Amino acid sequence: MSKFFVDLAVPKSVDRVFTYSVPFHLRPLAQTGVRALAPFGKKIVAGIIVATPASTDVPGIREILDIIDEHPVLSEELMKLAEWISGYYHAPIGEVLRSMLISGFTGVGKTTVRSAADITPELLASLGKSPLQQSIISRLGRSGKASMATLRKALDTVSLYPALHEL
């Protein structure tokens, strides 16, 4: 199976994009204009996918950790405008894209997940969801809410957004 790559613009003062590989289970969601979580040095950043190159010769490619959005947060027209602004004003593309989003939309801050209904064992049994989704629902049934960091640690997984979107 061939690798799948994305170019990610991160909201930092760097004048380039960074190439990451995409795990198989996230490939259907990886498209231009969606936000993705990726390792960046010792931190995790939320960037915007600006391209999906067929191949790369960049050594030491790291994998993205998760795709945040089901659909692009910026249209193709806004992506083109961001590229133009970046080139014309010699501004980092990640900073330009960040300025186009609602404040707080690019951060990796504390996100809390809450259950929308009372979770009973009968409801849990009737859902027929994936094991990860059942674990999320079960965890939320105990406390009613949990931070993404707590869920990742408790469920020993990094990728939660696709499972949450399907719930």
Foldseek 3Di string as FASTA:
>chain_A
DDWKKFWWQFQDQDAGTAIATEDPVCVVQDDFQWWFWADDPPDIWITTTHDTDPDDPDPPHHHIAETQDSDHPDDPVVSVVLVVCCVVVVGRSRNSVCVVDDPPPGGPDWDKDFDPDQDDPVNLVPPPADPLLSVVSVVCNVPRMDTLVVSCVVVVGRYDNVSVVVD
